[in-house]
């Protein structure tokens, strides 16, 4: 799969997930075995906004050429997905999330997508973008 196709798929999927998180947080919470209430809904909505923003950015840059900026975008998304990967697993382990079947697909998706972003970031030519 080429980078444009990958970013189109992930950006589109992210828009859908982010909009669901933003507009119907109780659906996501219930699917994980968390009793929907006002406090967790606030954080699910906040994450929804962030997912929508990242996804929109991916869709906007999906056809851009290799550049240090493209590499930075790809690495940043790898970090986001790698960072999100353990959160629900730890929450399930601690009993905060009660439905394992509600987090396994999401956890696998974060791991695979993080790895794919790393692969695409490493393929970007040009001068490496640095965190300085």
N, C-alpha and C. Protein backbone atom coordinates (compact mmCIF):
# COMPACT_ATOMS: atom_id res chain seq x y z
N UNK A 1 0.86 -1.18 0.00
CA UNK A 1 0.00 0.00 0.00
C UNK A 1 0.90 1.23 0.00
N UNK A 2 0.54 2.21 -0.78
CA UNK A 2 1.35 3.43 -0.79
C UNK A 2 0.89 4.39 0.31
N UNK A 3 1.72 5.39 0.55
CA UNK A 3 1.46 6.33 1.65
C UNK A 3 0.16 7.09 1.46
N UNK A 4 -0.13 7.53 0.24
CA UNK A 4 -1.36 8.28 -0.01
C UNK A 4 -2.59 7.45 0.35
N UNK A 5 -2.60 6.21 -0.07
CA UNK A 5 -3.74 5.33 0.23
C UNK A 5 -3.85 5.11 1.74
N UNK A 6 -2.73 4.84 2.38
CA UNK A 6 -2.72 4.63 3.84
C UNK A 6 -3.27 5.86 4.56
N UNK A 7 -2.78 7.04 4.21
CA UNK A 7 -3.24 8.25 4.89
C UNK A 7 -4.71 8.54 4.60
N UNK A 8 -5.17 8.20 3.41
CA UNK A 8 -6.58 8.39 3.07
C UNK A 8 -7.45 7.47 3.92
N UNK A 9 -7.05 6.22 4.05
CA UNK A 9 -7.83 5.26 4.84
C UNK A 9 -7.81 5.64 6.32
N UNK A 10 -6.63 5.88 6.85
CA UNK A 10 -6.51 6.21 8.29
C UNK A 10 -7.17 7.55 8.59
N UNK A 11 -7.01 8.52 7.71
CA UNK A 11 -7.65 9.83 7.92
C UNK A 11 -9.16 9.72 7.89
N UNK A 12 -9.70 8.95 6.95
CA UNK A 12 -11.15 8.79 6.85
C UNK A 12 -11.70 8.02 8.05
N UNK A 13 -11.03 6.93 8.41
CA UNK A 13 -11.45 6.14 9.57
C UNK A 13 -11.39 6.99 10.84
N UNK A 14 -10.33 7.76 10.97
CA UNK A 14 -10.19 8.64 12.13
C UNK A 14 -11.28 9.69 12.21
N UNK A 15 -11.68 10.24 11.07
CA UNK A 15 -12.78 11.21 11.09
C UNK A 15 -14.05 10.59 11.64
N UNK A 16 -14.36 9.38 11.19
CA UNK A 16 -15.57 8.70 11.67
C UNK A 16 -15.47 8.43 13.17
N UNK A 17 -14.36 7.85 13.61
CA UNK A 17 -14.19 7.53 15.03
C UNK A 17 -14.21 8.80 15.87
N UNK A 18 -13.52 9.83 15.41
CA UNK A 18 -13.48 11.09 16.15
C UNK A 18 -14.84 11.74 16.25
N UNK A 19 -15.61 11.70 15.17
CA UNK A 19 -16.96 12.28 15.21
C UNK A 19 -17.88 11.50 16.13
N UNK A 20 -17.74 10.17 16.17
CA UNK A 20 -18.54 9.37 17.11
C UNK A 20 -18.14 9.72 18.54
N UNK A 21 -16.84 9.81 18.80
CA UNK A 21 -16.38 10.17 20.15
C UNK A 21 -16.89 11.55 20.56
N UNK A 22 -16.90 12.46 19.62
CA UNK A 22 -17.33 13.83 19.90
C UNK A 22 -18.84 13.93 20.11
N UNK A 23 -19.61 13.23 19.30
CA UNK A 23 -21.06 13.39 19.34
C UNK A 23 -21.81 12.33 20.13
N UNK A 24 -21.20 11.16 20.33
CA UNK A 24 -21.88 10.07 21.05
C UNK A 24 -20.89 9.33 21.95
N UNK A 25 -20.30 10.02 22.92
CA UNK A 25 -19.29 9.37 23.76
C UNK A 25 -19.85 8.18 24.54
N UNK A 26 -21.13 8.21 24.86
CA UNK A 26 -21.71 7.09 25.62
C UNK A 26 -21.65 5.78 24.84
N UNK A 27 -21.70 5.86 23.52
CA UNK A 27 -21.60 4.65 22.69
C UNK A 27 -20.22 4.01 22.87
N UNK A 28 -19.19 4.81 22.82
CA UNK A 28 -17.83 4.28 23.00
C UNK A 28 -17.61 3.79 24.41
N UNK A 29 -18.09 4.52 25.38
CA UNK A 29 -17.92 4.11 26.77
C UNK A 29 -18.63 2.79 27.07
N UNK A 30 -19.87 2.67 26.63
CA UNK A 30 -20.63 1.45 26.87
C UNK A 30 -19.97 0.25 26.20
N UNK A 31 -19.40 0.45 25.03
CA UNK A 31 -18.73 -0.64 24.33
C UNK A 31 -17.50 -1.16 25.05
N UNK A 32 -16.99 -0.38 25.97
CA UNK A 32 -15.82 -0.78 26.75
C UNK A 32 -16.21 -1.22 28.17
N UNK A 33 -17.51 -1.19 28.45
CA UNK A 33 -17.96 -1.59 29.77
C UNK A 33 -17.84 -0.51 30.81
N UNK A 34 -17.79 0.74 30.39
CA UNK A 34 -17.70 1.87 31.31
C UNK A 34 -19.08 2.52 31.36
N UNK A 35 -19.59 2.69 32.56
CA UNK A 35 -20.90 3.32 32.72
C UNK A 35 -20.82 4.75 32.21
N UNK A 36 -21.62 5.06 31.20
CA UNK A 36 -21.59 6.43 30.68
C UNK A 36 -22.02 7.44 31.74
N UNK A 37 -21.20 8.45 31.92
CA UNK A 37 -21.53 9.54 32.83
C UNK A 37 -20.85 10.80 32.33
N UNK A 38 -21.14 11.90 32.96
CA UNK A 38 -20.67 13.20 32.47
C UNK A 38 -19.15 13.31 32.43
N UNK A 39 -18.47 12.87 33.48
CA UNK A 39 -17.01 13.07 33.54
C UNK A 39 -16.27 12.33 32.43
N UNK A 40 -16.45 11.01 32.29
CA UNK A 40 -15.71 10.36 31.20
C UNK A 40 -16.15 10.85 29.81
N UNK A 41 -17.39 11.28 29.68
CA UNK A 41 -17.86 11.78 28.39
C UNK A 41 -17.08 13.03 27.97
N UNK A 42 -16.71 13.86 28.94
CA UNK A 42 -15.92 15.06 28.64
C UNK A 42 -14.60 14.66 28.00
N UNK A 43 -13.91 13.67 28.59
CA UNK A 43 -12.60 13.27 28.07
C UNK A 43 -12.71 12.53 26.74
N UNK A 44 -13.76 11.76 26.57
CA UNK A 44 -13.96 11.10 25.27
C UNK A 44 -14.21 12.15 24.20
N UNK A 45 -14.98 13.17 24.52
CA UNK A 45 -15.22 14.24 23.55
C UNK A 45 -13.93 14.99 23.22
N UNK A 46 -13.10 15.26 24.24
CA UNK A 46 -11.83 15.94 23.99
C UNK A 46 -10.94 15.11 23.07
N UNK A 47 -10.86 13.81 23.33
CA UNK A 47 -10.08 12.94 22.46
C UNK A 47 -10.69 12.92 21.06
N UNK A 48 -12.01 12.96 20.98
CA UNK A 48 -12.69 13.01 19.68
C UNK A 48 -12.26 14.21 18.86
N UNK A 49 -12.17 15.37 19.49
CA UNK A 49 -11.72 16.58 18.79
C UNK A 49 -10.29 16.40 18.28
N UNK A 50 -9.44 15.84 19.11
CA UNK A 50 -8.05 15.62 18.70
C UNK A 50 -7.95 14.63 17.54
N UNK A 51 -8.74 13.57 17.58
CA UNK A 51 -8.74 12.59 16.50
C UNK A 51 -9.24 13.23 15.21
N UNK A 52 -10.29 14.03 15.30
CA UNK A 52 -10.80 14.72 14.11
C UNK A 52 -9.71 15.64 13.54
N UNK A 53 -9.03 16.38 14.39
CA UNK A 53 -8.00 17.31 13.92
C UNK A 53 -6.83 16.56 13.27
N UNK A 54 -6.34 15.51 13.90
CA UNK A 54 -5.25 14.73 13.31
C UNK A 54 -5.67 14.10 11.99
N UNK A 55 -6.89 13.59 11.95
CA UNK A 55 -7.39 12.94 10.74
C UNK A 55 -7.54 13.94 9.60
N UNK A 56 -8.05 15.11 9.90
CA UNK A 56 -8.19 16.15 8.88
C UNK A 56 -6.82 16.53 8.34
N UNK A 57 -5.84 16.64 9.22
CA UNK A 57 -4.48 16.96 8.78
C UNK A 57 -3.95 15.87 7.85
N UNK A 58 -4.16 14.62 8.20
CA UNK A 58 -3.70 13.52 7.35
C UNK A 58 -4.32 13.59 5.96
N UNK A 59 -5.61 13.90 5.92
CA UNK A 59 -6.28 13.99 4.63
C UNK A 59 -5.77 15.18 3.81
N UNK A 60 -5.44 16.27 4.48
CA UNK A 60 -4.93 17.44 3.76
C UNK A 60 -3.53 17.18 3.19
N UNK A 61 -2.67 16.48 3.93
CA UNK A 61 -1.28 16.29 3.49
C UNK A 61 -1.05 14.97 2.75
N UNK A 62 -2.07 14.18 2.57
CA UNK A 62 -1.88 12.82 2.03
C UNK A 62 -1.18 12.78 0.67
N UNK A 63 -1.32 13.83 -0.14
CA UNK A 63 -0.68 13.85 -1.45
C UNK A 63 0.59 14.68 -1.49
N UNK A 64 1.04 15.17 -0.35
CA UNK A 64 2.24 16.00 -0.33
C UNK A 64 3.49 15.16 -0.57
N UNK A 65 4.50 15.80 -1.11
CA UNK A 65 5.77 15.14 -1.40
C UNK A 65 6.56 14.91 -0.11
N UNK A 66 7.59 14.08 -0.24
CA UNK A 66 8.52 13.88 0.87
C UNK A 66 9.11 15.22 1.31
N UNK A 67 9.20 15.41 2.61
CA UNK A 67 9.80 16.62 3.16
C UNK A 67 10.04 16.37 4.64
N UNK A 68 10.84 17.22 5.26
CA UNK A 68 10.99 17.10 6.71
C UNK A 68 9.65 17.26 7.44
N UNK A 69 8.77 18.09 6.91
CA UNK A 69 7.46 18.28 7.53
C UNK A 69 6.62 17.01 7.43
N UNK A 70 6.64 16.36 6.26
CA UNK A 70 5.89 15.11 6.11
C UNK A 70 6.42 14.07 7.09
N UNK A 71 7.74 13.99 7.20
CA UNK A 71 8.32 13.03 8.14
C UNK A 71 7.86 13.35 9.57
N UNK A 72 7.84 14.61 9.94
CA UNK A 72 7.40 15.01 11.28
C UNK A 72 5.94 14.63 11.51
N UNK A 73 5.09 14.85 10.52
CA UNK A 73 3.67 14.48 10.63
C UNK A 73 3.53 12.98 10.86
N UNK A 74 4.28 12.20 10.11
CA UNK A 74 4.20 10.74 10.23
C UNK A 74 4.72 10.26 11.58
N UNK A 75 5.85 10.80 12.01
CA UNK A 75 6.39 10.41 13.32
C UNK A 75 5.46 10.84 14.46
N UNK A 76 4.88 12.02 14.37
CA UNK A 76 3.96 12.48 15.41
C UNK A 76 2.76 11.55 15.52
N UNK A 77 2.23 11.10 14.38
CA UNK A 77 1.11 10.18 14.41
C UNK A 77 1.52 8.82 14.97
N UNK A 78 2.74 8.38 14.67
CA UNK A 78 3.24 7.13 15.26
C UNK A 78 3.28 7.24 16.78
N UNK A 79 3.74 8.38 17.27
CA UNK A 79 3.81 8.60 18.72
C UNK A 79 2.41 8.59 19.34
N UNK A 80 1.46 9.23 18.69
CA UNK A 80 0.09 9.26 19.20
C UNK A 80 -0.46 7.84 19.34
N UNK A 81 -0.34 7.06 18.29
CA UNK A 81 -0.90 5.71 18.32
C UNK A 81 -0.13 4.80 19.28
N UNK A 82 1.18 4.92 19.32
CA UNK A 82 1.96 4.13 20.28
C UNK A 82 1.61 4.53 21.71
N UNK A 83 1.37 5.81 21.93
CA UNK A 83 0.99 6.28 23.26
C UNK A 83 -0.40 5.84 23.67
N UNK A 84 -1.32 5.78 22.71
CA UNK A 84 -2.69 5.34 23.02
C UNK A 84 -2.78 3.84 23.25
N UNK A 85 -1.86 3.08 22.64
CA UNK A 85 -1.93 1.62 22.70
C UNK A 85 -2.08 1.06 24.12
N UNK A 86 -1.23 1.44 25.09
CA UNK A 86 -1.33 0.77 26.40
C UNK A 86 -2.41 1.31 27.33
N UNK A 87 -2.99 2.45 27.03
CA UNK A 87 -3.89 3.10 27.99
C UNK A 87 -5.10 2.25 28.32
N UNK A 88 -5.82 1.76 27.33
CA UNK A 88 -7.01 0.96 27.61
C UNK A 88 -6.66 -0.41 28.18
N UNK A 89 -5.53 -0.95 27.78
CA UNK A 89 -5.10 -2.24 28.33
C UNK A 89 -4.85 -2.10 29.83
N UNK A 90 -4.16 -1.05 30.22
CA UNK A 90 -3.92 -0.80 31.65
C UNK A 90 -5.23 -0.53 32.39
N UNK A 91 -6.13 0.21 31.76
CA UNK A 91 -7.42 0.49 32.38
C UNK A 91 -8.22 -0.80 32.58
N UNK A 92 -8.15 -1.71 31.62
CA UNK A 92 -8.83 -3.01 31.77
C UNK A 92 -8.18 -3.81 32.89
N UNK A 93 -6.87 -3.81 32.92
CA UNK A 93 -6.13 -4.55 33.95
C UNK A 93 -6.48 -4.04 35.35
N UNK A 94 -6.75 -2.75 35.47
CA UNK A 94 -7.08 -2.14 36.77
C UNK A 94 -8.57 -2.17 37.07
N UNK A 95 -9.38 -2.68 36.13
CA UNK A 95 -10.82 -2.79 36.36
C UNK A 95 -11.63 -1.56 36.00
N UNK A 96 -10.99 -0.55 35.44
CA UNK A 96 -11.71 0.65 35.04
C UNK A 96 -12.56 0.36 33.81
N UNK A 97 -11.98 -0.35 32.87
CA UNK A 97 -12.70 -0.85 31.70
C UNK A 97 -12.99 -2.32 31.96
N UNK A 98 -14.23 -2.73 31.74
CA UNK A 98 -14.61 -4.09 32.12
C UNK A 98 -14.79 -5.04 30.95
N UNK A 99 -14.84 -4.53 29.74
CA UNK A 99 -15.06 -5.39 28.57
C UNK A 99 -13.78 -5.50 27.74
N UNK A 100 -13.13 -6.64 27.85
CA UNK A 100 -11.92 -6.87 27.07
C UNK A 100 -12.22 -6.84 25.58
N UNK A 101 -13.38 -7.39 25.19
CA UNK A 101 -13.75 -7.39 23.77
C UNK A 101 -13.99 -5.98 23.24
N UNK A 102 -14.15 -5.02 24.13
CA UNK A 102 -14.34 -3.64 23.71
C UNK A 102 -13.04 -2.90 23.46
N UNK A 103 -11.92 -3.49 23.89
CA UNK A 103 -10.64 -2.80 23.69
C UNK A 103 -9.66 -3.54 22.80
N UNK A 104 -9.84 -4.84 22.63
CA UNK A 104 -8.88 -5.60 21.83
C UNK A 104 -8.77 -5.07 20.39
N UNK A 105 -9.89 -4.88 19.67
CA UNK A 105 -9.74 -4.38 18.30
C UNK A 105 -9.06 -3.01 18.24
N UNK A 106 -9.42 -2.13 19.15
CA UNK A 106 -8.84 -0.79 19.20
C UNK A 106 -7.35 -0.85 19.50
N UNK A 107 -6.97 -1.72 20.44
CA UNK A 107 -5.57 -1.85 20.82
C UNK A 107 -4.74 -2.39 19.66
N UNK A 108 -5.26 -3.41 18.98
CA UNK A 108 -4.56 -3.96 17.82
C UNK A 108 -4.42 -2.89 16.73
N UNK A 109 -5.49 -2.14 16.50
CA UNK A 109 -5.46 -1.08 15.50
C UNK A 109 -4.38 -0.06 15.82
N UNK A 110 -4.30 0.39 17.08
CA UNK A 110 -3.28 1.37 17.47
C UNK A 110 -1.87 0.82 17.22
N UNK A 111 -1.65 -0.43 17.56
CA UNK A 111 -0.32 -1.02 17.38
C UNK A 111 0.05 -1.12 15.90
N UNK A 112 -0.86 -1.62 15.08
CA UNK A 112 -0.60 -1.77 13.64
C UNK A 112 -0.42 -0.40 12.98
N UNK A 113 -1.28 0.54 13.33
CA UNK A 113 -1.20 1.87 12.71
C UNK A 113 0.08 2.58 13.15
N UNK A 114 0.46 2.45 14.41
CA UNK A 114 1.72 3.06 14.87
C UNK A 114 2.89 2.50 14.08
N UNK A 115 2.92 1.19 13.91
CA UNK A 115 4.01 0.55 13.16
C UNK A 115 4.02 1.04 11.71
N UNK A 116 2.85 1.16 11.11
CA UNK A 116 2.78 1.63 9.72
C UNK A 116 3.27 3.06 9.60
N UNK A 117 2.91 3.92 10.55
CA UNK A 117 3.40 5.30 10.51
C UNK A 117 4.93 5.33 10.62
N UNK A 118 5.50 4.46 11.45
CA UNK A 118 6.96 4.38 11.56
C UNK A 118 7.57 3.97 10.22
N UNK A 119 7.01 2.96 9.60
CA UNK A 119 7.52 2.49 8.30
C UNK A 119 7.48 3.62 7.28
N UNK A 120 6.35 4.30 7.17
CA UNK A 120 6.24 5.39 6.20
C UNK A 120 7.16 6.56 6.55
N UNK A 121 7.31 6.87 7.83
CA UNK A 121 8.20 7.96 8.24
C UNK A 121 9.65 7.65 7.87
N UNK A 122 10.04 6.40 8.04
CA UNK A 122 11.42 6.01 7.72
C UNK A 122 11.70 6.04 6.23
N UNK A 123 10.64 5.94 5.41
CA UNK A 123 10.81 5.96 3.96
C UNK A 123 10.91 7.36 3.39
N UNK A 124 10.55 8.36 4.18
CA UNK A 124 10.56 9.74 3.67
C UNK A 124 11.99 10.17 3.44
N UNK A 125 12.27 10.64 2.23
CA UNK A 125 13.61 11.10 1.88
C UNK A 125 13.84 12.52 2.35
N UNK A 126 15.01 12.98 2.14
CA UNK A 126 15.34 14.35 2.51
C UNK A 126 15.97 14.43 3.88
N UNK A 127 16.20 15.61 4.32
CA UNK A 127 16.79 15.85 5.62
C UNK A 127 15.80 15.48 6.72
N UNK A 128 16.30 14.79 7.71
CA UNK A 128 15.43 14.35 8.80
C UNK A 128 14.89 15.53 9.58
N UNK A 129 13.61 15.46 9.91
CA UNK A 129 13.02 16.47 10.80
C UNK A 129 13.49 16.16 12.21
N UNK A 130 13.89 17.16 12.94
CA UNK A 130 14.41 16.94 14.29
C UNK A 130 13.55 17.68 15.31
N UNK A 131 13.52 17.11 16.51
CA UNK A 131 12.80 17.76 17.61
C UNK A 131 13.78 18.69 18.32
N UNK A 132 13.94 19.88 17.78
CA UNK A 132 14.87 20.84 18.40
C UNK A 132 14.22 22.17 18.53
